Amino acid sequence: MLLQAALKQAQRAMESEQADAALRIQAIYRGRKERQGAAGKKIAENKEMSDAARKIQATRRGQQQRREDREQAAAATKMQANQRGRQSRRGAAERQEQEAAALKIQARLRGNNARDPEKQSLQNRQFKQSDEDQAIGKSAGPFLFAIRLISVKLRLFCSSGLCSSPEFAKFFADSPSCCG
C-alpha cells in the first residue's frame, strides 16, 4: 500500500505539474493573444489617427493654397491696374504733344494767312462745313482736322504753281493734274 500510495502521490504530483504546465501554456497563449489584440487595436487606432491627421493636413493645405491664390490674384490685379494707369498717363502725354503740335501748325497757318489775304480767303472757303461735316468732325476730331489741313496745304501748293515743275511731275504722273 505504501507503494500504491507513493504511486498515487507521484501520479498526483505529475498531474499537478501537467496542470501547472497547461495553465502556464494557456496563460502564455492568452497573454500573446491579448498583446496581439492590443497591438491590432493600437494599429487600428494609429490608422484612425493618421487618417484624421491626413484629413486635417489636407484641409490646411487647401486653405493655404486658396489664400495664396487670392493673394496672387490680388497682386495680379494691382499690377494690371498700375499698367493701365501708366498707359493712360502715357496716352495723355502723347495727346498733349499732338494737341501742342496742332496748335503750332494752326498758329503758323493763321500767321501766314494774316500776312497773305488771298490765301486767307481761299482757306475760309475750304473750311466752310455743312452740318453733316460738323457732326462727323466732333466724332472724328483730330483725324478729320489733319485731313483738312493736308487738303488745304495741297491746294496752296497747287495754287503756287510748284506742282507743275518737273521735280514734282513724277508724283502726279498717274493722277489728273492737281491744279486743274
N, C-alpha and C. Protein backbone atom coordinates (compact mmCIF):
# COMPACT_ATOMS: atom_id res chain seq x y z
N MET A 1 0.75 -1.14 0.00
CA MET A 1 0.00 0.00 0.00
C MET A 1 0.82 1.24 0.00
N LEU A 2 1.77 1.05 0.57
CA LEU A 2 2.68 2.14 0.57
C LEU A 2 3.13 2.46 -0.85
N LEU A 3 3.30 1.48 -1.54
CA LEU A 3 3.71 1.66 -2.93
C LEU A 3 2.58 2.29 -3.73
N GLN A 4 1.46 1.84 -3.46
CA GLN A 4 0.33 2.41 -4.18
C GLN A 4 0.11 3.85 -3.75
N ALA A 5 0.29 4.14 -2.51
CA ALA A 5 0.14 5.49 -2.04
C ALA A 5 1.22 6.35 -2.64
N ALA A 6 2.43 5.86 -2.71
CA ALA A 6 3.52 6.62 -3.31
C ALA A 6 3.26 6.79 -4.80
N LEU A 7 2.76 5.79 -5.40
CA LEU A 7 2.44 5.86 -6.83
C LEU A 7 1.34 6.86 -7.07
N LYS A 8 0.36 6.87 -6.22
CA LYS A 8 -0.74 7.82 -6.37
C LYS A 8 -0.23 9.23 -6.13
N GLN A 9 0.63 9.34 -5.15
CA GLN A 9 1.16 10.65 -4.85
C GLN A 9 2.03 11.12 -6.02
N ALA A 10 2.79 10.24 -6.57
CA ALA A 10 3.62 10.60 -7.73
C ALA A 10 2.73 10.93 -8.92
N GLN A 11 1.68 10.19 -9.07
CA GLN A 11 0.76 10.45 -10.18
C GLN A 11 0.08 11.79 -9.98
N ARG A 12 -0.30 12.12 -8.76
CA ARG A 12 -0.93 13.41 -8.46
C ARG A 12 0.07 14.54 -8.69
N ALA A 13 1.30 14.31 -8.29
CA ALA A 13 2.33 15.33 -8.49
C ALA A 13 2.53 15.57 -9.99
N MET A 14 2.53 14.49 -10.74
CA MET A 14 2.70 14.61 -12.18
C MET A 14 1.50 15.31 -12.81
N GLU A 15 0.35 14.94 -12.36
CA GLU A 15 -0.86 15.59 -12.88
C GLU A 15 -0.88 17.06 -12.49
N SER A 16 -0.41 17.32 -11.27
CA SER A 16 -0.34 18.70 -10.81
C SER A 16 0.65 19.49 -11.65
N GLU A 17 1.81 18.85 -11.93
CA GLU A 17 2.79 19.52 -12.78
C GLU A 17 2.24 19.74 -14.19
N GLN A 18 1.54 18.73 -14.69
CA GLN A 18 0.95 18.85 -16.02
C GLN A 18 -0.13 19.95 -16.03
N ALA A 19 -0.89 19.99 -14.95
CA ALA A 19 -1.94 21.01 -14.86
C ALA A 19 -1.29 22.39 -14.78
N ASP A 20 -0.20 22.47 -13.97
CA ASP A 20 0.51 23.76 -13.88
C ASP A 20 1.11 24.15 -15.22
N ALA A 21 1.68 23.15 -15.90
CA ALA A 21 2.28 23.42 -17.21
C ALA A 21 1.18 23.84 -18.20
N ALA A 22 0.06 23.17 -18.13
CA ALA A 22 -1.06 23.52 -19.02
C ALA A 22 -1.55 24.94 -18.71
N LEU A 23 -1.63 25.25 -17.42
CA LEU A 23 -2.06 26.60 -17.03
C LEU A 23 -1.06 27.65 -17.51
N ARG A 24 0.24 27.33 -17.40
CA ARG A 24 1.26 28.27 -17.88
C ARG A 24 1.15 28.46 -19.39
N ILE A 25 0.99 27.36 -20.11
CA ILE A 25 0.86 27.44 -21.57
C ILE A 25 -0.37 28.26 -21.94
N GLN A 26 -1.47 28.00 -21.25
CA GLN A 26 -2.70 28.76 -21.53
C GLN A 26 -2.51 30.24 -21.20
N ALA A 27 -1.84 30.54 -20.10
CA ALA A 27 -1.60 31.93 -19.71
C ALA A 27 -0.71 32.62 -20.75
N ILE A 28 0.34 31.91 -21.19
CA ILE A 28 1.22 32.47 -22.21
C ILE A 28 0.43 32.73 -23.50
N TYR A 29 -0.39 31.74 -23.88
CA TYR A 29 -1.18 31.89 -25.12
C TYR A 29 -2.16 33.06 -25.00
N ARG A 30 -2.85 33.13 -23.83
CA ARG A 30 -3.79 34.24 -23.64
C ARG A 30 -3.07 35.59 -23.63
N GLY A 31 -1.88 35.63 -22.98
CA GLY A 31 -1.10 36.87 -22.96
C GLY A 31 -0.68 37.29 -24.37
N ARG A 32 -0.20 36.31 -25.14
CA ARG A 32 0.21 36.61 -26.51
C ARG A 32 -0.99 37.08 -27.32
N LYS A 33 -2.09 36.36 -27.18
CA LYS A 33 -3.31 36.72 -27.90
C LYS A 33 -3.76 38.13 -27.51
N GLU A 34 -3.70 38.44 -26.24
CA GLU A 34 -4.11 39.76 -25.75
C GLU A 34 -3.18 40.84 -26.29
N ARG A 35 -1.88 40.54 -26.25
CA ARG A 35 -0.92 41.52 -26.79
C ARG A 35 -1.14 41.74 -28.30
N GLN A 36 -1.40 40.67 -29.02
CA GLN A 36 -1.68 40.81 -30.45
C GLN A 36 -2.95 41.62 -30.68
N GLY A 37 -3.95 41.35 -29.88
CA GLY A 37 -5.21 42.11 -29.97
C GLY A 37 -4.99 43.57 -29.64
N ALA A 38 -4.20 43.81 -28.60
CA ALA A 38 -3.90 45.19 -28.21
C ALA A 38 -3.09 45.87 -29.30
N ALA A 39 -2.14 45.12 -29.88
CA ALA A 39 -1.33 45.69 -30.96
C ALA A 39 -2.23 45.98 -32.17
N GLY A 40 -3.15 45.07 -32.46
CA GLY A 40 -4.10 45.29 -33.56
C GLY A 40 -4.97 46.50 -33.30
N LYS A 41 -5.43 46.62 -32.05
CA LYS A 41 -6.23 47.80 -31.69
C LYS A 41 -5.38 49.06 -31.80
N LYS A 42 -4.13 48.94 -31.34
CA LYS A 42 -3.24 50.09 -31.40
C LYS A 42 -2.99 50.48 -32.85
N ILE A 43 -2.78 49.48 -33.70
CA ILE A 43 -2.58 49.74 -35.13
C ILE A 43 -3.83 50.39 -35.71
N ALA A 44 -5.00 49.88 -35.35
CA ALA A 44 -6.26 50.44 -35.83
C ALA A 44 -6.41 51.89 -35.34
N GLU A 45 -6.09 52.09 -34.06
CA GLU A 45 -6.16 53.45 -33.51
C GLU A 45 -5.17 54.37 -34.22
N ASN A 46 -3.94 53.83 -34.43
CA ASN A 46 -2.94 54.63 -35.14
C ASN A 46 -3.40 54.95 -36.56
N LYS A 47 -4.04 53.98 -37.22
CA LYS A 47 -4.54 54.20 -38.58
C LYS A 47 -5.63 55.28 -38.57
N GLU A 48 -6.53 55.19 -37.59
CA GLU A 48 -7.57 56.21 -37.47
C GLU A 48 -6.96 57.58 -37.22
N MET A 49 -5.95 57.61 -36.33
CA MET A 49 -5.29 58.87 -36.02
C MET A 49 -4.57 59.42 -37.25
N SER A 50 -3.89 58.54 -37.97
CA SER A 50 -3.16 59.01 -39.15
C SER A 50 -4.14 59.47 -40.24
N ASP A 51 -5.28 58.78 -40.37
CA ASP A 51 -6.30 59.23 -41.33
C ASP A 51 -6.83 60.60 -40.93
N ALA A 52 -7.11 60.79 -39.67
CA ALA A 52 -7.60 62.08 -39.18
C ALA A 52 -6.53 63.16 -39.40
N ALA A 53 -5.28 62.82 -39.12
CA ALA A 53 -4.19 63.79 -39.32
C ALA A 53 -4.06 64.15 -40.79
N ARG A 54 -4.19 63.14 -41.68
CA ARG A 54 -4.14 63.41 -43.12
C ARG A 54 -5.26 64.34 -43.56
N LYS A 55 -6.45 64.11 -43.04
CA LYS A 55 -7.58 64.98 -43.38
C LYS A 55 -7.33 66.41 -42.91
N ILE A 56 -6.85 66.54 -41.70
CA ILE A 56 -6.56 67.88 -41.15
C ILE A 56 -5.49 68.56 -42.00
N GLN A 57 -4.43 67.82 -42.34
CA GLN A 57 -3.35 68.39 -43.15
C GLN A 57 -3.85 68.79 -44.53
N ALA A 58 -4.68 67.94 -45.14
CA ALA A 58 -5.22 68.25 -46.47
C ALA A 58 -6.09 69.50 -46.42
N THR A 59 -6.91 69.60 -45.38
CA THR A 59 -7.75 70.80 -45.21
C THR A 59 -6.89 72.04 -45.06
N ARG A 60 -5.85 71.92 -44.24
CA ARG A 60 -4.95 73.06 -44.01
C ARG A 60 -4.23 73.46 -45.30
N ARG A 61 -3.73 72.45 -46.03
CA ARG A 61 -3.05 72.76 -47.30
C ARG A 61 -4.01 73.42 -48.29
N GLY A 62 -5.26 72.94 -48.33
CA GLY A 62 -6.27 73.54 -49.21
C GLY A 62 -6.54 75.00 -48.85
N GLN A 63 -6.68 75.25 -47.54
CA GLN A 63 -6.90 76.63 -47.09
C GLN A 63 -5.71 77.52 -47.46
N GLN A 64 -4.51 77.00 -47.24
CA GLN A 64 -3.32 77.77 -47.54
C GLN A 64 -3.22 78.04 -49.05
N GLN A 65 -3.53 77.03 -49.88
CA GLN A 65 -3.47 77.20 -51.33
C GLN A 65 -4.49 78.24 -51.79
N ARG A 66 -5.70 78.17 -51.23
CA ARG A 66 -6.72 79.16 -51.61
C ARG A 66 -6.30 80.57 -51.19
N ARG A 67 -5.69 80.70 -50.00
CA ARG A 67 -5.22 82.01 -49.54
C ARG A 67 -4.13 82.53 -50.48
N GLU A 68 -3.18 81.65 -50.85
CA GLU A 68 -2.11 82.06 -51.77
C GLU A 68 -2.69 82.45 -53.13
N ASP A 69 -3.69 81.71 -53.60
CA ASP A 69 -4.33 82.04 -54.88
C ASP A 69 -4.99 83.41 -54.82
N ARG A 70 -5.68 83.68 -53.70
CA ARG A 70 -6.32 85.00 -53.54
C ARG A 70 -5.27 86.11 -53.52
N GLU A 71 -4.18 85.88 -52.79
CA GLU A 71 -3.13 86.89 -52.71
C GLU A 71 -2.49 87.11 -54.08
N GLN A 72 -2.29 86.02 -54.81
CA GLN A 72 -1.69 86.13 -56.14
C GLN A 72 -2.64 86.87 -57.09
N ALA A 73 -3.93 86.57 -57.00
CA ALA A 73 -4.91 87.26 -57.85
C ALA A 73 -4.96 88.75 -57.50
N ALA A 74 -4.89 89.06 -56.23
CA ALA A 74 -4.89 90.47 -55.81
C ALA A 74 -3.63 91.18 -56.31
N ALA A 75 -2.50 90.51 -56.24
CA ALA A 75 -1.25 91.11 -56.73
C ALA A 75 -1.32 91.32 -58.25
N ALA A 76 -1.88 90.34 -58.97
CA ALA A 76 -2.01 90.48 -60.42
C ALA A 76 -2.94 91.63 -60.77
N THR A 77 -4.03 91.75 -60.04
CA THR A 77 -4.98 92.86 -60.28
C THR A 77 -4.30 94.19 -60.03
N LYS A 78 -3.51 94.28 -58.98
CA LYS A 78 -2.79 95.52 -58.65
C LYS A 78 -1.80 95.86 -59.76
N MET A 79 -1.07 94.86 -60.25
CA MET A 79 -0.11 95.09 -61.32
C MET A 79 -0.82 95.54 -62.60
N GLN A 80 -1.96 94.93 -62.90
CA GLN A 80 -2.72 95.31 -64.09
C GLN A 80 -3.22 96.75 -63.96
N ALA A 81 -3.69 97.11 -62.79
CA ALA A 81 -4.18 98.47 -62.58
C ALA A 81 -3.04 99.47 -62.74
N ASN A 82 -1.87 99.13 -62.19
CA ASN A 82 -0.71 100.01 -62.35
C ASN A 82 -0.35 100.18 -63.82
N GLN A 83 -0.37 99.07 -64.58
CA GLN A 83 -0.03 99.14 -66.00
C GLN A 83 -1.05 99.96 -66.77
N ARG A 84 -2.33 99.77 -66.48
CA ARG A 84 -3.36 100.56 -67.16
C ARG A 84 -3.20 102.04 -66.85
N GLY A 85 -2.88 102.38 -65.61
CA GLY A 85 -2.66 103.77 -65.23
C GLY A 85 -1.46 104.35 -65.97
N ARG A 86 -0.39 103.57 -66.05
CA ARG A 86 0.81 104.01 -66.76
C ARG A 86 0.50 104.27 -68.24
N GLN A 87 -0.24 103.33 -68.85
CA GLN A 87 -0.61 103.50 -70.26
C GLN A 87 -1.50 104.72 -70.45
N SER A 88 -2.41 104.92 -69.53
CA SER A 88 -3.32 106.06 -69.62
C SER A 88 -2.54 107.36 -69.53
N ARG A 89 -1.61 107.43 -68.59
CA ARG A 89 -0.81 108.66 -68.45
C ARG A 89 0.06 108.87 -69.68
N ARG A 90 0.62 107.79 -70.22
CA ARG A 90 1.44 107.91 -71.42
C ARG A 90 0.58 108.38 -72.59
N GLY A 91 -0.62 107.85 -72.73
CA GLY A 91 -1.54 108.26 -73.79
C GLY A 91 -1.92 109.72 -73.65
N ALA A 92 -2.13 110.16 -72.42
CA ALA A 92 -2.50 111.56 -72.18
C ALA A 92 -1.33 112.48 -72.58
N ALA A 93 -0.12 112.06 -72.26
CA ALA A 93 1.05 112.87 -72.64
C ALA A 93 1.18 112.95 -74.15
N GLU A 94 0.94 111.83 -74.83
CA GLU A 94 1.01 111.84 -76.30
C GLU A 94 -0.07 112.73 -76.89
N ARG A 95 -1.27 112.67 -76.32
CA ARG A 95 -2.35 113.53 -76.82
C ARG A 95 -2.01 115.01 -76.61
N GLN A 96 -1.40 115.32 -75.46
CA GLN A 96 -1.00 116.71 -75.21
C GLN A 96 0.05 117.16 -76.22
N GLU A 97 0.99 116.26 -76.54
CA GLU A 97 2.00 116.60 -77.53
C GLU A 97 1.36 116.83 -78.90
N GLN A 98 0.41 115.98 -79.27
CA GLN A 98 -0.28 116.14 -80.55
C GLN A 98 -1.06 117.45 -80.59
N GLU A 99 -1.74 117.74 -79.50
CA GLU A 99 -2.51 118.98 -79.45
C GLU A 99 -1.58 120.20 -79.54
N ALA A 100 -0.44 120.13 -78.87
CA ALA A 100 0.52 121.23 -78.94
C ALA A 100 1.04 121.39 -80.36
N ALA A 101 1.32 120.27 -81.04
CA ALA A 101 1.80 120.33 -82.42
C ALA A 101 0.71 120.92 -83.32
N ALA A 102 -0.53 120.50 -83.12
CA ALA A 102 -1.64 121.02 -83.93
C ALA A 102 -1.81 122.52 -83.69
N LEU A 103 -1.67 122.94 -82.44
CA LEU A 103 -1.77 124.38 -82.14
C LEU A 103 -0.66 125.17 -82.83
N LYS A 104 0.55 124.63 -82.87
CA LYS A 104 1.65 125.30 -83.56
C LYS A 104 1.35 125.43 -85.04
N ILE A 105 0.86 124.33 -85.63
CA ILE A 105 0.53 124.35 -87.06
C ILE A 105 -0.57 125.38 -87.32
N GLN A 106 -1.57 125.38 -86.49
CA GLN A 106 -2.67 126.34 -86.66
C GLN A 106 -2.17 127.77 -86.51
N ALA A 107 -1.30 127.99 -85.53
CA ALA A 107 -0.78 129.35 -85.32
C ALA A 107 0.03 129.81 -86.52
N ARG A 108 0.87 128.93 -87.05
CA ARG A 108 1.66 129.29 -88.23
C ARG A 108 0.74 129.58 -89.42
N LEU A 109 -0.27 128.74 -89.58
CA LEU A 109 -1.21 128.93 -90.69
C LEU A 109 -1.94 130.27 -90.55
N ARG A 110 -2.37 130.56 -89.32
CA ARG A 110 -3.05 131.84 -89.10
C ARG A 110 -2.10 133.01 -89.36
N GLY A 111 -0.85 132.84 -88.95
CA GLY A 111 0.14 133.89 -89.19
C GLY A 111 0.38 134.09 -90.68
N ASN A 112 0.51 132.98 -91.41
CA ASN A 112 0.69 133.07 -92.87
C ASN A 112 -0.52 133.71 -93.53
N ASN A 113 -1.69 133.33 -93.07
CA ASN A 113 -2.93 133.87 -93.63
C ASN A 113 -3.05 135.36 -93.36
N ALA A 114 -2.64 135.75 -92.19
CA ALA A 114 -2.72 137.17 -91.84
C ALA A 114 -1.80 138.00 -92.73
N ARG A 115 -0.68 137.41 -93.12
CA ARG A 115 0.24 138.12 -94.00
C ARG A 115 -0.20 138.08 -95.46
N ASP A 116 -1.00 137.08 -95.87
CA ASP A 116 -1.42 136.94 -97.26
C ASP A 116 -2.94 136.81 -97.31
N PRO A 117 -3.69 137.91 -97.54
CA PRO A 117 -5.16 137.89 -97.51
C PRO A 117 -5.76 137.00 -98.60
N GLU A 118 -5.08 136.82 -99.74
CA GLU A 118 -5.63 135.98 -100.82
C GLU A 118 -5.72 134.52 -100.37
N LYS A 119 -4.67 134.02 -99.71
CA LYS A 119 -4.68 132.64 -99.20
C LYS A 119 -5.74 132.50 -98.11
N GLN A 120 -5.92 133.56 -97.33
CA GLN A 120 -6.89 133.51 -96.24
C GLN A 120 -8.29 133.31 -96.79
N SER A 121 -8.65 134.00 -97.84
CA SER A 121 -10.00 133.84 -98.39
C SER A 121 -10.17 132.45 -98.99
N LEU A 122 -9.09 131.89 -99.60
CA LEU A 122 -9.15 130.53 -100.15
C LEU A 122 -9.38 129.52 -99.02
N GLN A 123 -8.67 129.67 -97.93
CA GLN A 123 -8.83 128.74 -96.82
C GLN A 123 -10.19 128.90 -96.15
N ASN A 124 -10.70 130.11 -96.07
CA ASN A 124 -12.01 130.31 -95.47
C ASN A 124 -13.07 129.57 -96.28
N ARG A 125 -12.94 129.59 -97.59
CA ARG A 125 -13.89 128.86 -98.43
C ARG A 125 -13.76 127.36 -98.21
N GLN A 126 -12.54 126.91 -98.05
CA GLN A 126 -12.31 125.47 -97.92
C GLN A 126 -12.74 124.94 -96.55
N PHE A 127 -12.66 125.77 -95.52
CA PHE A 127 -13.01 125.31 -94.18
C PHE A 127 -14.48 125.42 -93.86
N LYS A 128 -15.30 125.98 -94.76
CA LYS A 128 -16.73 126.04 -94.50
C LYS A 128 -17.26 124.62 -94.54
N GLN A 129 -18.01 124.26 -93.53
CA GLN A 129 -18.50 122.89 -93.41
C GLN A 129 -20.02 122.89 -93.39
N SER A 130 -20.57 121.79 -93.87
CA SER A 130 -22.01 121.59 -93.75
C SER A 130 -22.30 121.08 -92.34
N ASP A 131 -23.57 121.00 -91.99
CA ASP A 131 -23.93 120.48 -90.66
C ASP A 131 -23.46 119.03 -90.50
N GLU A 132 -23.54 118.29 -91.58
CA GLU A 132 -23.12 116.89 -91.53
C GLU A 132 -21.62 116.79 -91.25
N ASP A 133 -20.81 117.61 -91.90
CA ASP A 133 -19.38 117.61 -91.67
C ASP A 133 -19.05 117.98 -90.22
N GLN A 134 -19.81 118.89 -89.65
CA GLN A 134 -19.58 119.26 -88.27
C GLN A 134 -19.87 118.10 -87.33
N ALA A 135 -20.95 117.36 -87.62
CA ALA A 135 -21.27 116.20 -86.79
C ALA A 135 -20.16 115.16 -86.89
N ILE A 136 -19.66 114.94 -88.09
CA ILE A 136 -18.56 113.99 -88.27
C ILE A 136 -17.31 114.52 -87.58
N GLY A 137 -17.07 115.83 -87.71
CA GLY A 137 -15.89 116.45 -87.12
C GLY A 137 -15.82 116.27 -85.63
N LYS A 138 -16.98 116.25 -84.95
CA LYS A 138 -16.99 116.08 -83.50
C LYS A 138 -16.52 114.69 -83.11
N SER A 139 -16.91 113.70 -83.90
CA SER A 139 -16.53 112.33 -83.55
C SER A 139 -15.15 111.97 -84.10
N ALA A 140 -14.80 112.51 -85.30
CA ALA A 140 -13.52 112.16 -85.90
C ALA A 140 -12.39 113.00 -85.33
N GLY A 141 -12.69 114.21 -84.90
CA GLY A 141 -11.75 115.06 -84.19
C GLY A 141 -10.45 115.32 -84.92
N PRO A 142 -9.33 114.94 -84.31
CA PRO A 142 -8.02 115.27 -84.84
C PRO A 142 -7.76 114.66 -86.22
N PHE A 143 -8.32 113.48 -86.48
CA PHE A 143 -8.11 112.84 -87.77
C PHE A 143 -8.69 113.68 -88.89
N LEU A 144 -9.92 114.14 -88.73
CA LEU A 144 -10.57 114.96 -89.74
C LEU A 144 -9.84 116.29 -89.90
N PHE A 145 -9.37 116.85 -88.80
CA PHE A 145 -8.62 118.10 -88.87
C PHE A 145 -7.34 117.91 -89.69
N ALA A 146 -6.65 116.80 -89.45
CA ALA A 146 -5.41 116.52 -90.19
C ALA A 146 -5.68 116.37 -91.68
N ILE A 147 -6.77 115.70 -92.04
CA ILE A 147 -7.12 115.53 -93.46
C ILE A 147 -7.41 116.89 -94.08
N ARG A 148 -8.16 117.70 -93.40
CA ARG A 148 -8.48 119.04 -93.94
C ARG A 148 -7.23 119.88 -94.07
N LEU A 149 -6.35 119.77 -93.09
CA LEU A 149 -5.12 120.55 -93.12
C LEU A 149 -4.25 120.12 -94.31
N ILE A 150 -4.15 118.82 -94.53
CA ILE A 150 -3.39 118.32 -95.68
C ILE A 150 -4.02 118.81 -96.98
N SER A 151 -5.35 118.76 -97.04
CA SER A 151 -6.06 119.21 -98.24
C SER A 151 -5.78 120.69 -98.52
N VAL A 152 -5.81 121.50 -97.49
CA VAL A 152 -5.54 122.94 -97.64
C VAL A 152 -4.11 123.16 -98.10
N LYS A 153 -3.16 122.44 -97.46
CA LYS A 153 -1.76 122.59 -97.83
C LYS A 153 -1.54 122.19 -99.29
N LEU A 154 -2.19 121.12 -99.72
CA LEU A 154 -2.06 120.66 -101.10
C LEU A 154 -2.62 121.70 -102.07
N ARG A 155 -3.77 122.27 -101.74
CA ARG A 155 -4.35 123.29 -102.61
C ARG A 155 -3.46 124.53 -102.67
N LEU A 156 -2.90 124.91 -101.52
CA LEU A 156 -1.98 126.06 -101.51
C LEU A 156 -0.75 125.76 -102.36
N PHE A 157 -0.28 124.53 -102.26
CA PHE A 157 0.88 124.11 -103.04
C PHE A 157 0.57 124.19 -104.53
N CYS A 158 -0.62 123.68 -104.87
CA CYS A 158 -1.02 123.69 -106.27
C CYS A 158 -1.24 125.12 -106.77
N SER A 159 -1.80 125.95 -105.92
CA SER A 159 -2.07 127.33 -106.36
C SER A 159 -0.78 128.12 -106.54
N SER A 160 0.30 127.66 -105.93
CA SER A 160 1.57 128.35 -106.08
C SER A 160 2.24 128.01 -107.40
N GLY A 161 1.74 126.95 -108.08
CA GLY A 161 2.31 126.56 -109.37
C GLY A 161 3.50 125.66 -109.25
N LEU A 162 3.89 125.25 -108.06
CA LEU A 162 5.05 124.38 -107.90
C LEU A 162 4.80 122.96 -108.37
N CYS A 163 3.54 122.54 -108.37
CA CYS A 163 3.26 121.16 -108.74
C CYS A 163 3.48 120.92 -110.23
N SER A 164 3.53 121.95 -111.04
CA SER A 164 3.75 121.76 -112.46
C SER A 164 5.24 121.73 -112.79
N SER A 165 6.11 121.93 -111.80
CA SER A 165 7.54 121.88 -112.07
C SER A 165 7.97 120.45 -112.33
N PRO A 166 9.06 120.21 -113.08
CA PRO A 166 9.48 118.86 -113.46
C PRO A 166 9.83 117.98 -112.25
N GLU A 167 10.32 118.57 -111.14
CA GLU A 167 10.68 117.76 -109.98
C GLU A 167 9.45 117.08 -109.38
N PHE A 168 8.32 117.76 -109.43
CA PHE A 168 7.11 117.23 -108.82
C PHE A 168 6.23 116.51 -109.81
N ALA A 169 6.54 116.59 -111.09
CA ALA A 169 5.70 115.96 -112.11
C ALA A 169 5.65 114.45 -111.92
N LYS A 170 6.74 113.85 -111.47
CA LYS A 170 6.75 112.40 -111.29
C LYS A 170 5.76 111.95 -110.21
N PHE A 171 5.45 112.80 -109.23
CA PHE A 171 4.48 112.44 -108.19
C PHE A 171 3.05 112.48 -108.72
N PHE A 172 2.83 113.30 -109.72
CA PHE A 172 1.48 113.49 -110.24
C PHE A 172 1.30 112.86 -111.60
N ALA A 173 2.21 111.97 -112.01
CA ALA A 173 2.15 111.39 -113.36
C ALA A 173 0.93 110.51 -113.53
N ASP A 174 0.54 109.75 -112.50
CA ASP A 174 -0.60 108.83 -112.62
C ASP A 174 -1.93 109.49 -112.31
N SER A 175 -1.94 110.64 -111.73
CA SER A 175 -3.20 111.27 -111.33
C SER A 175 -3.46 112.47 -112.22
N PRO A 176 -4.73 112.87 -112.31
CA PRO A 176 -5.01 114.07 -113.09
C PRO A 176 -4.33 115.27 -112.44
N SER A 177 -4.18 116.30 -113.18
CA SER A 177 -3.49 117.49 -112.68
C SER A 177 -4.16 117.97 -111.41
N CYS A 178 -3.33 118.21 -110.39
CA CYS A 178 -3.90 118.66 -109.13
C CYS A 178 -4.26 120.12 -109.20
N CYS A 179 -3.72 120.82 -110.14
CA CYS A 179 -4.02 122.25 -110.24
C CYS A 179 -5.25 122.51 -111.07
N GLY A 180 -5.69 121.50 -111.80
CA GLY A 180 -6.79 121.66 -112.75
C GLY A 180 -8.04 121.92 -112.08
